[in-house]
Amino acid sequence: MLALPALAGDLLGGRDFSLWALYALPVMMAAWLGGRNWALSAAAAAVALTWLAAMVAGHPFESDWGLAAAMVNRGVVLGLLGLLVDHARVVDLYQSIAQSQETEA
């Protein structure tokens, strides 16, 4: 649901305007709330939606190879972002556990 505004922007923006960076918010939320697997799944879904929008609205690349390279690039960026947020979530969890154990002792 969070990706719908970005998808609508991609479809309405046409060839020259892309809001693919807005797909980062659902990926980050999936990472924080669901963990690594959810983050990578959200990144894959975001890339699929971006590809769909590019195919419907038309893409600015000279060939489909350019589009494929852009999708791989976006997938790597969103996937790494999701992994980074998941790592921050795990570190935060361990820190909160350590703090609660210190206060109990």
PDB file of N, CA and C in Angstrom:
ATOM      1  N   MET A   1       0.809  -1.197   0.000  1.00  0.00           N
ATOM      2  CA  MET A   1       0.000   0.000   0.000  1.00  0.00           C
ATOM      3  C   MET A   1       0.856   1.266   0.000  1.00  0.00           C
ATOM      4  N   LEU A   2       1.998   1.202   0.693  1.00  0.00           N
ATOM      5  CA  LEU A   2       2.850   2.387   0.756  1.00  0.00           C
ATOM      6  C   LEU A   2       3.503   2.704  -0.582  1.00  0.00           C
ATOM      7  N   ALA A   3       3.618   1.710  -1.442  1.00  0.00           N
ATOM      8  CA  ALA A   3       4.270   1.927  -2.734  1.00  0.00           C
ATOM      9  C   ALA A   3       3.315   2.513  -3.765  1.00  0.00           C
ATOM     10  N   LEU A   4       2.039   2.569  -3.467  1.00  0.00           N
ATOM     11  CA  LEU A   4       1.079   3.071  -4.454  1.00  0.00           C
ATOM     12  C   LEU A   4       1.321   4.522  -4.867  1.00  0.00           C
ATOM     13  N   PRO A   5       1.650   5.441  -3.948  1.00  0.00           N
ATOM     14  CA  PRO A   5       1.945   6.804  -4.424  1.00  0.00           C
ATOM     15  C   PRO A   5       3.142   6.858  -5.370  1.00  0.00           C
ATOM     16  N   ALA A   6       4.165   6.080  -5.085  1.00  0.00           N
ATOM     17  CA  ALA A   6       5.329   6.059  -5.976  1.00  0.00           C
ATOM     18  C   ALA A   6       4.959   5.459  -7.323  1.00  0.00           C
ATOM     19  N   LEU A   7       4.167   4.393  -7.310  1.00  0.00           N
ATOM     20  CA  LEU A   7       3.735   3.774  -8.563  1.00  0.00           C
ATOM     21  C   LEU A   7       2.882   4.743  -9.368  1.00  0.00           C
ATOM     22  N   ALA A   8       1.970   5.437  -8.704  1.00  0.00           N
ATOM     23  CA  ALA A   8       1.134   6.413  -9.409  1.00  0.00           C
ATOM     24  C   ALA A   8       1.992   7.532  -9.991  1.00  0.00           C
ATOM     25  N   GLY A   9       2.986   7.979  -9.238  1.00  0.00           N
ATOM     26  CA  GLY A   9       3.886   9.010  -9.750  1.00  0.00           C
ATOM     27  C   GLY A   9       4.683   8.529 -10.943  1.00  0.00           C
ATOM     28  N   ASP A  10       5.118   7.265 -10.900  1.00  0.00           N
ATOM     29  CA  ASP A  10       5.849   6.710 -12.037  1.00  0.00           C
ATOM     30  C   ASP A  10       4.963   6.614 -13.271  1.00  0.00           C
ATOM     31  N   LEU A  11       3.723   6.205 -13.073  1.00  0.00           N
ATOM     32  CA  LEU A  11       2.822   6.072 -14.218  1.00  0.00           C
ATOM     33  C   LEU A  11       2.426   7.427 -14.784  1.00  0.00           C
ATOM     34  N   LEU A  12       2.178   8.396 -13.911  1.00  0.00           N
ATOM     35  CA  LEU A  12       1.766   9.721 -14.377  1.00  0.00           C
ATOM     36  C   LEU A  12       2.941  10.558 -14.869  1.00  0.00           C
ATOM     37  N   GLY A  13       4.122  10.272 -14.360  1.00  0.00           N
ATOM     38  CA  GLY A  13       5.296  11.058 -14.725  1.00  0.00           C
ATOM     39  C   GLY A  13       5.804  10.790 -16.124  1.00  0.00           C
ATOM     40  N   GLY A  14       5.465   9.639 -16.654  1.00  0.00           N
ATOM     41  CA  GLY A  14       5.897   9.323 -18.009  1.00  0.00           C
ATOM     42  C   GLY A  14       7.367   8.948 -18.082  1.00  0.00           C
ATOM     43  N   ARG A  15       7.951   9.176 -19.251  1.00  0.00           N
ATOM     44  CA  ARG A  15       9.315   8.731 -19.521  1.00  0.00           C
ATOM     45  C   ARG A  15      10.382   9.519 -18.776  1.00  0.00           C
ATOM     46  N   ASP A  16      10.143  10.771 -18.537  1.00  0.00           N
ATOM     47  CA  ASP A  16      11.208  11.643 -18.059  1.00  0.00           C
ATOM     48  C   ASP A  16      11.230  11.857 -16.552  1.00  0.00           C
ATOM     49  N   PHE A  17      10.286  11.296 -15.837  1.00  0.00           N
ATOM     50  CA  PHE A  17      10.178  11.583 -14.409  1.00  0.00           C
ATOM     51  C   PHE A  17       9.903  10.282 -13.667  1.00  0.00           C
ATOM     52  N   SER A  18      10.785   9.922 -12.759  1.00  0.00           N
ATOM     53  CA  SER A  18      10.618   8.689 -12.004  1.00  0.00           C
ATOM     54  C   SER A  18      10.708   8.975 -10.515  1.00  0.00           C
ATOM     55  N   LEU A  19       9.859   8.336  -9.771  1.00  0.00           N
ATOM     56  CA  LEU A  19       9.857   8.478  -8.319  1.00  0.00           C
ATOM     57  C   LEU A  19      10.331   7.192  -7.648  1.00  0.00           C
ATOM     58  N   TRP A  20      11.270   6.499  -8.277  1.00  0.00           N
ATOM     59  CA  TRP A  20      11.655   5.187  -7.758  1.00  0.00           C
ATOM     60  C   TRP A  20      12.273   5.277  -6.371  1.00  0.00           C
ATOM     61  N   ALA A  21      12.833   6.412  -5.998  1.00  0.00           N
ATOM     62  CA  ALA A  21      13.414   6.538  -4.660  1.00  0.00           C
ATOM     63  C   ALA A  21      12.340   6.473  -3.571  1.00  0.00           C
ATOM     64  N   LEU A  22      11.099   6.797  -3.910  1.00  0.00           N
ATOM     65  CA  LEU A  22      10.027   6.711  -2.921  1.00  0.00           C
ATOM     66  C   LEU A  22       9.700   5.268  -2.541  1.00  0.00           C
ATOM     67  N   TYR A  23      10.164   4.324  -3.332  1.00  0.00           N
ATOM     68  CA  TYR A  23       9.970   2.923  -2.978  1.00  0.00           C
ATOM     69  C   TYR A  23      10.837   2.529  -1.787  1.00  0.00           C
ATOM     70  N   ALA A  24      11.762   3.390  -1.404  1.00  0.00           N
ATOM     71  CA  ALA A  24      12.640   3.090  -0.271  1.00  0.00           C
ATOM     72  C   ALA A  24      11.862   3.041   1.041  1.00  0.00           C
ATOM     73  N   LEU A  25      10.847   3.867   1.192  1.00  0.00           N
ATOM     74  CA  LEU A  25      10.085   3.892   2.442  1.00  0.00           C
ATOM     75  C   LEU A  25       9.427   2.542   2.752  1.00  0.00           C
ATOM     76  N   PRO A  26       8.714   1.916   1.812  1.00  0.00           N
ATOM     77  CA  PRO A  26       8.160   0.596   2.129  1.00  0.00           C
ATOM     78  C   PRO A  26       9.239  -0.450   2.404  1.00  0.00           C
ATOM     79  N   VAL A  27      10.369  -0.351   1.714  1.00  0.00           N
ATOM     80  CA  VAL A  27      11.457  -1.308   1.951  1.00  0.00           C
ATOM     81  C   VAL A  27      12.007  -1.124   3.361  1.00  0.00           C
ATOM     82  N   MET A  28      12.204   0.117   3.773  1.00  0.00           N
ATOM     83  CA  MET A  28      12.720   0.370   5.118  1.00  0.00           C
ATOM     84  C   MET A  28      11.724  -0.065   6.188  1.00  0.00           C
ATOM     85  N   MET A  29      10.452   0.177   5.955  1.00  0.00           N
ATOM     86  CA  MET A  29       9.444  -0.244   6.934  1.00  0.00           C
ATOM     87  C   MET A  29       9.365  -1.765   7.015  1.00  0.00           C
ATOM     88  N   ALA A  30       9.462  -2.428   5.871  1.00  0.00           N
ATOM     89  CA  ALA A  30       9.448  -3.893   5.872  1.00  0.00           C
ATOM     90  C   ALA A  30      10.654  -4.437   6.623  1.00  0.00           C
ATOM     91  N   ALA A  31      11.800  -3.794   6.452  1.00  0.00           N
ATOM     92  CA  ALA A  31      13.008  -4.239   7.147  1.00  0.00           C
ATOM     93  C   ALA A  31      12.871  -4.051   8.654  1.00  0.00           C
ATOM     94  N   TRP A  32      12.343  -2.918   9.072  1.00  0.00           N
ATOM     95  CA  TRP A  32      12.253  -2.631  10.499  1.00  0.00           C
ATOM     96  C   TRP A  32      11.194  -3.501  11.175  1.00  0.00           C
ATOM     97  N   LEU A  33      10.081  -3.693  10.502  1.00  0.00           N
ATOM     98  CA  LEU A  33       8.980  -4.433  11.123  1.00  0.00           C
ATOM     99  C   LEU A  33       9.053  -5.937  10.896  1.00  0.00           C
ATOM    100  N   GLY A  34       9.638  -6.348   9.768  1.00  0.00           N
ATOM    101  CA  GLY A  34       9.605  -7.765   9.435  1.00  0.00           C
ATOM    102  C   GLY A  34      10.944  -8.463   9.361  1.00  0.00           C
ATOM    103  N   GLY A  35      12.015  -7.710   9.206  1.00  0.00           N
ATOM    104  CA  GLY A  35      13.328  -8.333   9.139  1.00  0.00           C
ATOM    105  C   GLY A  35      13.870  -8.425   7.724  1.00  0.00           C
ATOM    106  N   ARG A  36      14.947  -9.180   7.600  1.00  0.00           N
ATOM    107  CA  ARG A  36      15.702  -9.261   6.352  1.00  0.00           C
ATOM    108  C   ARG A  36      14.880  -9.817   5.192  1.00  0.00           C
ATOM    109  N   ASN A  37      14.176 -10.912   5.417  1.00  0.00           N
ATOM    110  CA  ASN A  37      13.428 -11.531   4.318  1.00  0.00           C
ATOM    111  C   ASN A  37      12.327 -10.614   3.794  1.00  0.00           C
ATOM    112  N   TRP A  38      11.647  -9.935   4.702  1.00  0.00           N
ATOM    113  CA  TRP A  38      10.607  -8.999   4.281  1.00  0.00           C
ATOM    114  C   TRP A  38      11.212  -7.827   3.518  1.00  0.00           C
ATOM    115  N   ALA A  39      12.375  -7.372   3.963  1.00  0.00           N
ATOM    116  CA  ALA A  39      13.029  -6.249   3.284  1.00  0.00           C
ATOM    117  C   ALA A  39      13.412  -6.623   1.859  1.00  0.00           C
ATOM    118  N   LEU A  40      13.999  -7.796   1.695  1.00  0.00           N
ATOM    119  CA  LEU A  40      14.403  -8.217   0.353  1.00  0.00           C
ATOM    120  C   LEU A  40      13.186  -8.484  -0.532  1.00  0.00           C
ATOM    121  N   SER A  41      12.119  -8.994   0.063  1.00  0.00           N
ATOM    122  CA  SER A  41      10.884  -9.199  -0.704  1.00  0.00           C
ATOM    123  C   SER A  41      10.285  -7.864  -1.133  1.00  0.00           C
ATOM    124  N   ALA A  42      10.302  -6.892  -0.236  1.00  0.00           N
ATOM    125  CA  ALA A  42       9.779  -5.565  -0.578  1.00  0.00           C
ATOM    126  C   ALA A  42      10.639  -4.904  -1.648  1.00  0.00           C
ATOM    127  N   ALA A  43      11.953  -5.101  -1.579  1.00  0.00           N
ATOM    128  CA  ALA A  43      12.837  -4.543  -2.608  1.00  0.00           C
ATOM    129  C   ALA A  43      12.544  -5.177  -3.966  1.00  0.00           C
ATOM    130  N   ALA A  44      12.336  -6.487  -3.979  1.00  0.00           N
ATOM    131  CA  ALA A  44      12.010  -7.169  -5.237  1.00  0.00           C
ATOM    132  C   ALA A  44      10.664  -6.691  -5.781  1.00  0.00           C
ATOM    133  N   ALA A  45       9.696  -6.512  -4.896  1.00  0.00           N
ATOM    134  CA  ALA A  45       8.387  -6.016  -5.332  1.00  0.00           C
ATOM    135  C   ALA A  45       8.496  -4.589  -5.861  1.00  0.00           C
ATOM    136  N   ALA A  46       9.318  -3.771  -5.222  1.00  0.00           N
ATOM    137  CA  ALA A  46       9.501  -2.394  -5.684  1.00  0.00           C
ATOM    138  C   ALA A  46      10.136  -2.361  -7.069  1.00  0.00           C
ATOM    139  N   VAL A  47      11.109  -3.223  -7.290  1.00  0.00           N
ATOM    140  CA  VAL A  47      11.740  -3.283  -8.615  1.00  0.00           C
ATOM    141  C   VAL A  47      10.730  -3.762  -9.655  1.00  0.00           C
ATOM    142  N   ALA A  48       9.918  -4.744  -9.289  1.00  0.00           N
ATOM    143  CA  ALA A  48       8.902  -5.236 -10.227  1.00  0.00           C
ATOM    144  C   ALA A  48       7.891  -4.135 -10.563  1.00  0.00           C
ATOM    145  N   LEU A  49       7.472  -3.374  -9.559  1.00  0.00           N
ATOM    146  CA  LEU A  49       6.533  -2.281  -9.820  1.00  0.00           C
ATOM    147  C   LEU A  49       7.172  -1.174 -10.652  1.00  0.00           C
ATOM    148  N   THR A  50       8.445  -0.891 -10.388  1.00  0.00           N
ATOM    149  CA  THR A  50       9.150   0.117 -11.178  1.00  0.00           C
ATOM    150  C   THR A  50       9.276  -0.333 -12.628  1.00  0.00           C
ATOM    151  N   TRP A  51       9.586  -1.608 -12.823  1.00  0.00           N
ATOM    152  CA  TRP A  51       9.696  -2.153 -14.182  1.00  0.00           C
ATOM    153  C   TRP A  51       8.337  -2.087 -14.883  1.00  0.00           C
ATOM    154  N   LEU A  52       7.277  -2.449 -14.157  1.00  0.00           N
ATOM    155  CA  LEU A  52       5.935  -2.394 -14.736  1.00  0.00           C
ATOM    156  C   LEU A  52       5.580  -0.968 -15.147  1.00  0.00           C
ATOM    157  N   ALA A  53       5.869  -0.014 -14.278  1.00  0.00           N
ATOM    158  CA  ALA A  53       5.581   1.385 -14.600  1.00  0.00           C
ATOM    159  C   ALA A  53       6.395   1.847 -15.805  1.00  0.00           C
ATOM    160  N   ALA A  54       7.648   1.400 -15.892  1.00  0.00           N
ATOM    161  CA  ALA A  54       8.488   1.782 -17.030  1.00  0.00           C
ATOM    162  C   ALA A  54       7.960   1.181 -18.326  1.00  0.00           C
ATOM    163  N   MET A  55       7.443  -0.019 -18.264  1.00  0.00           N
ATOM    164  CA  MET A  55       6.909  -0.650 -19.471  1.00  0.00           C
ATOM    165  C   MET A  55       5.601   0.011 -19.905  1.00  0.00           C
ATOM    166  N   VAL A  56       4.781   0.407 -18.938  1.00  0.00           N
ATOM    167  CA  VAL A  56       3.492   1.029 -19.267  1.00  0.00           C
ATOM    168  C   VAL A  56       3.690   2.467 -19.747  1.00  0.00           C
ATOM    169  N   ALA A  57       4.496   3.228 -19.009  1.00  0.00           N
ATOM    170  CA  ALA A  57       4.665   4.645 -19.330  1.00  0.00           C
ATOM    171  C   ALA A  57       5.725   4.882 -20.400  1.00  0.00           C
ATOM    172  N   GLY A  58       6.509   3.873 -20.692  1.00  0.00           N
ATOM    173  CA  GLY A  58       7.616   4.039 -21.623  1.00  0.00           C
ATOM    174  C   GLY A  58       8.873   4.405 -20.860  1.00  0.00           C
ATOM    175  N   HIS A  59       9.981   3.819 -21.261  1.00  0.00           N
ATOM    176  CA  HIS A  59      11.226   4.097 -20.549  1.00  0.00           C
ATOM    177  C   HIS A  59      12.157   4.918 -21.427  1.00  0.00           C
ATOM    178  N   PRO A  60      13.031   5.714 -20.800  1.00  0.00           N
ATOM    179  CA  PRO A  60      13.885   6.628 -21.561  1.00  0.00           C
ATOM    180  C   PRO A  60      15.163   5.983 -22.099  1.00  0.00           C
ATOM    181  N   PHE A  61      15.298   4.689 -21.989  1.00  0.00           N
ATOM    182  CA  PHE A  61      16.526   4.018 -22.408  1.00  0.00           C
ATOM    183  C   PHE A  61      16.452   3.652 -23.883  1.00  0.00           C
ATOM    184  N   GLU A  62      17.612   3.594 -24.517  1.00  0.00           N
ATOM    185  CA  GLU A  62      17.637   3.283 -25.944  1.00  0.00           C
ATOM    186  C   GLU A  62      17.318   1.824 -26.226  1.00  0.00           C
ATOM    187  N   SER A  63      17.581   0.960 -25.251  1.00  0.00           N
ATOM    188  CA  SER A  63      17.291  -0.455 -25.445  1.00  0.00           C
ATOM    189  C   SER A  63      16.753  -1.038 -24.146  1.00  0.00           C
ATOM    190  N   ASP A  64      16.272  -2.251 -24.243  1.00  0.00           N
ATOM    191  CA  ASP A  64      15.782  -2.934 -23.049  1.00  0.00           C
ATOM    192  C   ASP A  64      16.926  -3.314 -22.117  1.00  0.00           C
ATOM    193  N   TRP A  65      18.150  -3.398 -22.650  1.00  0.00           N
ATOM    194  CA  TRP A  65      19.308  -3.680 -21.798  1.00  0.00           C
ATOM    195  C   TRP A  65      19.550  -2.526 -20.827  1.00  0.00           C
ATOM    196  N   GLY A  66      19.337  -1.319 -21.275  1.00  0.00           N
ATOM    197  CA  GLY A  66      19.472  -0.165 -20.384  1.00  0.00           C
ATOM    198  C   GLY A  66      18.454  -0.211 -19.264  1.00  0.00           C
ATOM    199  N   LEU A  67      17.234  -0.595 -19.606  1.00  0.00           N
ATOM    200  CA  LEU A  67      16.198  -0.739 -18.583  1.00  0.00           C
ATOM    201  C   LEU A  67      16.564  -1.851 -17.608  1.00  0.00           C
ATOM    202  N   ALA A  68      17.061  -2.964 -18.130  1.00  0.00           N
ATOM    203  CA  ALA A  68      17.452  -4.075 -17.257  1.00  0.00           C
ATOM    204  C   ALA A  68      18.577  -3.659 -16.313  1.00  0.00           C
ATOM    205  N   ALA A  69      19.550  -2.921 -16.827  1.00  0.00           N
ATOM    206  CA  ALA A  69      20.653  -2.457 -15.976  1.00  0.00           C
ATOM    207  C   ALA A  69      20.142  -1.510 -14.892  1.00  0.00           C
ATOM    208  N   ALA A  70      19.208  -0.644 -15.249  1.00  0.00           N
ATOM    209  CA  ALA A  70      18.636   0.271 -14.259  1.00  0.00           C
ATOM    210  C   ALA A  70      17.863  -0.496 -13.190  1.00  0.00           C
ATOM    211  N   MET A  71      17.142  -1.530 -13.583  1.00  0.00           N
ATOM    212  CA  MET A  71      16.382  -2.313 -12.612  1.00  0.00           C
ATOM    213  C   MET A  71      17.313  -3.084 -11.675  1.00  0.00           C
ATOM    214  N   VAL A  72      18.404  -3.621 -12.218  1.00  0.00           N
ATOM    215  CA  VAL A  72      19.381  -4.308 -11.361  1.00  0.00           C
ATOM    216  C   VAL A  72      19.988  -3.312 -10.379  1.00  0.00           C
ATOM    217  N   ASN A  73      20.332  -2.135 -10.876  1.00  0.00           N
ATOM    218  CA  ASN A  73      20.891  -1.096 -10.016  1.00  0.00           C
ATOM    219  C   ASN A  73      19.913  -0.741  -8.898  1.00  0.00           C
ATOM    220  N   ARG A  74      18.675  -0.531  -9.234  1.00  0.00           N
ATOM    221  CA  ARG A  74      17.676  -0.165  -8.228  1.00  0.00           C
ATOM    222  C   ARG A  74      17.444  -1.305  -7.248  1.00  0.00           C
ATOM    223  N   GLY A  75      17.464  -2.524  -7.746  1.00  0.00           N
ATOM    224  CA  GLY A  75      17.304  -3.672  -6.857  1.00  0.00           C
ATOM    225  C   GLY A  75      18.438  -3.783  -5.860  1.00  0.00           C
ATOM    226  N   VAL A  76      19.658  -3.550  -6.328  1.00  0.00           N
ATOM    227  CA  VAL A  76      20.815  -3.608  -5.426  1.00  0.00           C
ATOM    228  C   VAL A  76      20.728  -2.501  -4.381  1.00  0.00           C
ATOM    229  N   VAL A  77      20.404  -1.296  -4.816  1.00  0.00           N
ATOM    230  CA  VAL A  77      20.321  -0.169  -3.880  1.00  0.00           C
ATOM    231  C   VAL A  77      19.226  -0.410  -2.842  1.00  0.00           C
ATOM    232  N   LEU A  78      18.046  -0.804  -3.290  1.00  0.00           N
ATOM    233  CA  LEU A  78      16.948  -1.024  -2.346  1.00  0.00           C
ATOM    234  C   LEU A  78      17.214  -2.230  -1.452  1.00  0.00           C
ATOM    235  N   GLY A  79      17.819  -3.277  -2.010  1.00  0.00           N
ATOM    236  CA  GLY A  79      18.159  -4.445  -1.196  1.00  0.00           C
ATOM    237  C   GLY A  79      19.180  -4.118  -0.122  1.00  0.00           C
ATOM    238  N   LEU A  80      20.219  -3.374  -0.494  1.00  0.00           N
ATOM    239  CA  LEU A  80      21.223  -2.983   0.496  1.00  0.00           C
ATOM    240  C   LEU A  80      20.635  -2.051   1.549  1.00  0.00           C
ATOM    241  N   LEU A  81      19.756  -1.169   1.133  1.00  0.00           N
ATOM    242  CA  LEU A  81      19.085  -0.294   2.095  1.00  0.00           C
ATOM    243  C   LEU A  81      18.266  -1.120   3.086  1.00  0.00           C
ATOM    244  N   GLY A  82      17.550  -2.102   2.577  1.00  0.00           N
ATOM    245  CA  GLY A  82      16.776  -2.971   3.460  1.00  0.00           C
ATOM    246  C   GLY A  82      17.657  -3.742   4.425  1.00  0.00           C
ATOM    247  N   LEU A  83      18.788  -4.251   3.938  1.00  0.00           N
ATOM    248  CA  LEU A  83      19.709  -4.976   4.819  1.00  0.00           C
ATOM    249  C   LEU A  83      20.315  -4.051   5.868  1.00  0.00           C
ATOM    250  N   LEU A  84      20.605  -2.825   5.484  1.00  0.00           N
ATOM    251  CA  LEU A  84      21.154  -1.856   6.430  1.00  0.00           C
ATOM    252  C   LEU A  84      20.154  -1.533   7.541  1.00  0.00           C
ATOM    253  N   VAL A  85      18.909  -1.320   7.172  1.00  0.00           N
ATOM    254  CA  VAL A  85      17.881  -1.021   8.175  1.00  0.00           C
ATOM    255  C   VAL A  85      17.642  -2.236   9.065  1.00  0.00           C
ATOM    256  N   ASP A  86      17.663  -3.433   8.485  1.00  0.00           N
ATOM    257  CA  ASP A  86      17.506  -4.641   9.294  1.00  0.00           C
ATOM    258  C   ASP A  86      18.647  -4.767  10.299  1.00  0.00           C
ATOM    259  N   HIS A  87      19.854  -4.467   9.865  1.00  0.00           N
ATOM    260  CA  HIS A  87      20.997  -4.523  10.776  1.00  0.00           C
ATOM    261  C   HIS A  87      20.832  -3.506  11.909  1.00  0.00           C
ATOM    262  N   ALA A  88      20.382  -2.313  11.581  1.00  0.00           N
ATOM    263  CA  ALA A  88      20.152  -1.297  12.611  1.00  0.00           C
ATOM    264  C   ALA A  88      19.078  -1.761  13.595  1.00  0.00           C
ATOM    265  N   ARG A  89      18.064  -2.448  13.092  1.00  0.00           N
ATOM    266  CA  ARG A  89      17.000  -2.973  13.955  1.00  0.00           C
ATOM    267  C   ARG A  89      17.551  -4.007  14.924  1.00  0.00           C
ATOM    268  N   VAL A  90      18.399  -4.896  14.429  1.00  0.00           N
ATOM    269  CA  VAL A  90      18.974  -5.936  15.280  1.00  0.00           C
ATOM    270  C   VAL A  90      19.892  -5.317  16.333  1.00  0.00           C
ATOM    271  N   VAL A  91      20.700  -4.351  15.935  1.00  0.00           N
ATOM    272  CA  VAL A  91      21.577  -3.676  16.895  1.00  0.00           C
ATOM    273  C   VAL A  91      20.746  -2.973  17.961  1.00  0.00           C
ATOM    274  N   ASP A  92      19.670  -2.317  17.553  1.00  0.00           N
ATOM    275  CA  ASP A  92      18.792  -1.647  18.508  1.00  0.00           C
ATOM    276  C   ASP A  92      18.164  -2.653  19.468  1.00  0.00           C
ATOM    277  N   LEU A  93      17.782  -3.800  18.953  1.00  0.00           N
ATOM    278  CA  LEU A  93      17.199  -4.842  19.801  1.00  0.00           C
ATOM    279  C   LEU A  93      18.211  -5.327  20.833  1.00  0.00           C
ATOM    280  N   TYR A  94      19.434  -5.595  20.393  1.00  0.00           N
ATOM    281  CA  TYR A  94      20.466  -6.052  21.332  1.00  0.00           C
ATOM    282  C   TYR A  94      20.791  -4.986  22.372  1.00  0.00           C
ATOM    283  N   GLN A  95      20.808  -3.737  21.964  1.00  0.00           N
ATOM    284  CA  GLN A  95      21.082  -2.667  22.923  1.00  0.00           C
ATOM    285  C   GLN A  95      19.965  -2.540  23.951  1.00  0.00           C
ATOM    286  N   SER A  96      18.736  -2.686  23.521  1.00  0.00           N
ATOM    287  CA  SER A  96      17.630  -2.588  24.478  1.00  0.00           C
ATOM    288  C   SER A  96      17.626  -3.778  25.436  1.00  0.00           C
ATOM    289  N   ILE A  97      18.016  -4.951  24.958  1.00  0.00           N
ATOM    290  CA  ILE A  97      18.117  -6.117  25.841  1.00  0.00           C
ATOM    291  C   ILE A  97      19.226  -5.899  26.862  1.00  0.00           C
ATOM    292  N   ALA A  98      20.361  -5.382  26.408  1.00  0.00           N
ATOM    293  CA  ALA A  98      21.482  -5.135  27.321  1.00  0.00           C
ATOM    294  C   ALA A  98      21.111  -4.084  28.361  1.00  0.00           C
ATOM    295  N   GLN A  99      20.397  -3.052  27.962  1.00  0.00           N
ATOM    296  CA  GLN A  99      19.992  -2.019  28.914  1.00  0.00           C
ATOM    297  C   GLN A  99      19.009  -2.565  29.940  1.00  0.00           C
ATOM    298  N   SER A 100      18.096  -3.414  29.501  1.00  0.00           N
ATOM    299  CA  SER A 100      17.130  -3.967  30.450  1.00  0.00           C
ATOM    300  C   SER A 100      17.808  -4.918  31.429  1.00  0.00           C
ATOM    301  N   GLN A 101      18.836  -5.633  30.980  1.00  0.00           N
ATOM    302  CA  GLN A 101      19.566  -6.515  31.889  1.00  0.00           C
ATOM    303  C   GLN A 101      20.401  -5.715  32.879  1.00  0.00           C
ATOM    304  N   GLU A 102      20.920  -4.564  32.450  1.00  0.00           N
ATOM    305  CA  GLU A 102      21.696  -3.720  33.357  1.00  0.00           C
ATOM    306  C   GLU A 102      20.809  -3.120  34.440  1.00  0.00           C
ATOM    307  N   THR A 103      19.599  -2.744  34.085  1.00  0.00           N
ATOM    308  CA  THR A 103      18.710  -2.144  35.081  1.00  0.00           C
ATOM    309  C   THR A 103      18.189  -3.180  36.067  1.00  0.00           C
ATOM    310  N   GLU A 104      18.091  -4.430  35.637  1.00  0.00           N
ATOM    311  CA  GLU A 104      17.639  -5.490  36.535  1.00  0.00           C
ATOM    312  C   GLU A 104      18.724  -5.892  37.521  1.00  0.00           C
ATOM    313  N   ALA A 105      19.969  -5.749  37.123  1.00  0.00           N
ATOM    314  CA  ALA A 105      21.078  -6.200  37.985  1.00  0.00           C
ATOM    315  C   ALA A 105      21.414  -5.226  39.080  1.00  0.00           C
TER     316      ALA A 105
END
